[in-house]
Protein backbone atom coordinates (compact mmCIF):
# COMPACT_ATOMS: atom_id res chain seq x y z
CA ASP A 1 2.88 5.40 -22.55
CA GLU A 2 0.34 8.65 -24.19
CA LEU A 3 -2.42 7.78 -21.89
CA PHE A 4 0.01 8.63 -19.04
CA ILE A 5 1.08 11.84 -20.72
CA SER A 6 -2.41 12.84 -21.27
CA GLU A 7 -2.97 12.25 -17.05
CA ILE A 8 -0.23 14.67 -16.54
CA GLY A 9 -1.17 17.07 -18.59
CA ASP A 10 -4.60 17.58 -17.64
CA GLU A 11 -3.10 17.76 -13.81
CA LEU A 12 -0.39 20.58 -14.76
CA ASN A 13 -2.78 22.24 -17.09
CA GLU A 14 -5.54 22.42 -14.32
CA LEU A 15 -2.25 24.24 -11.73
CA VAL A 16 -1.85 26.75 -14.45
CA SER A 17 -5.64 27.36 -14.42
CA LYS A 18 -5.72 27.65 -10.76
CA GLU A 19 -2.73 29.64 -10.49
CA PRO A 20 -1.90 33.04 -12.61
CA GLY A 21 1.34 33.99 -12.61
CA ILE A 22 2.64 30.47 -11.68
CA LYS A 23 6.67 29.69 -11.88
CA LEU A 24 6.90 25.97 -12.54
CA LEU A 25 10.30 24.34 -13.46
CA LEU A 26 10.53 21.17 -14.97
CA ASN A 27 13.19 18.70 -13.44
CA PHE A 28 14.33 15.83 -16.36
CA GLN A 29 16.63 14.02 -13.78
CA ALA A 30 14.68 10.74 -14.19
CA VAL A 31 13.27 11.32 -17.89
CA GLU A 32 14.91 8.66 -20.42
CA HIS A 33 12.70 8.70 -23.07
CA LEU A 34 10.70 12.11 -24.77
CA SER A 35 8.10 11.56 -26.97
CA SER A 36 6.61 13.21 -29.59
CA ALA A 37 3.00 12.87 -27.44
CA ALA A 38 5.35 14.48 -24.56
CA LEU A 39 6.39 16.84 -26.47
CA GLY A 40 3.05 18.43 -27.62
CA MET A 41 1.79 18.33 -24.28
CA LEU A 42 4.94 20.29 -23.30
CA ILE A 43 3.71 22.46 -25.93
CA THR A 44 0.64 22.88 -24.72
CA LEU A 45 1.13 23.65 -20.93
CA ASN A 46 3.69 26.04 -22.01
CA LYS A 47 1.69 27.81 -24.12
CA ASN A 48 -0.96 27.60 -21.07
CA ILE A 49 1.07 29.43 -18.60
CA SER A 50 2.34 32.16 -21.07
CA ASP A 51 -1.51 32.81 -21.16
CA LYS A 52 -2.09 33.19 -17.46
CA SER A 53 1.39 35.24 -17.61
CA GLY A 54 3.28 32.39 -15.81
CA ALA A 55 6.94 31.13 -16.55
CA LEU A 56 7.72 27.79 -17.69
CA LYS A 57 11.10 26.70 -16.78
CA LEU A 58 13.20 23.01 -17.90
CA SER A 59 16.72 21.43 -15.89
CA ASP A 60 18.34 18.49 -15.83
CA ILE A 61 18.08 17.22 -19.51
CA SER A 62 19.91 14.79 -20.45
CA PRO A 63 22.31 14.95 -23.88
CA GLN A 64 20.38 12.67 -25.83
CA ILE A 65 16.63 14.08 -24.62
CA TYR A 66 18.12 17.82 -25.31
CA GLU A 67 18.75 16.43 -28.83
CA VAL A 68 15.32 16.20 -29.62
CA PHE A 69 14.81 19.58 -28.53
CA LYS A 70 17.54 21.01 -30.86
CA ILE A 71 16.40 18.73 -33.84
CA THR A 72 12.85 19.97 -33.16
CA ARG A 73 14.30 23.61 -32.21
CA LEU A 74 12.04 23.27 -28.98
CA ASN A 75 15.38 24.51 -27.19
CA GLU A 76 14.30 27.97 -28.80
CA VAL A 77 10.78 28.03 -27.13
CA PHE A 78 11.41 26.39 -23.70
CA ASP A 79 13.74 28.13 -21.25
CA ILE A 80 16.34 24.89 -20.28
CA HIS A 81 18.94 25.20 -17.56
CA ASP A 82 21.74 22.82 -16.95
CA THR A 83 20.53 22.35 -13.03
CA ALA A 84 17.21 23.53 -10.47
CA LYS A 85 19.03 25.51 -8.47
CA GLY A 86 20.28 27.53 -11.77
CA ALA A 87 16.49 27.30 -13.35
CA MET A 88 15.09 28.23 -9.30
CA SER A 89 17.59 31.59 -9.18
CA SER A 90 16.67 32.77 -12.64
CA PHE A 91 13.03 33.05 -11.87
């Protein structure tokens, strides 16, 4: 729900503010649904990481959720990898 998404966003953004240049990988392997609130949180997180000279990568996104990224053209905004291992090696 939106409260949980907000809490996760707050925690991740706090981590980003404490670690300039952070390299963060979010693994979506267990994610079955992605709401617009979650997409908004990811966009904000990506901007905050970029502003702090860091890097955000996403991995293991199911085909159904990847469709959401494609429809919204966010697949062009985020650095998305098939596997966490591939994402880690690209840092």
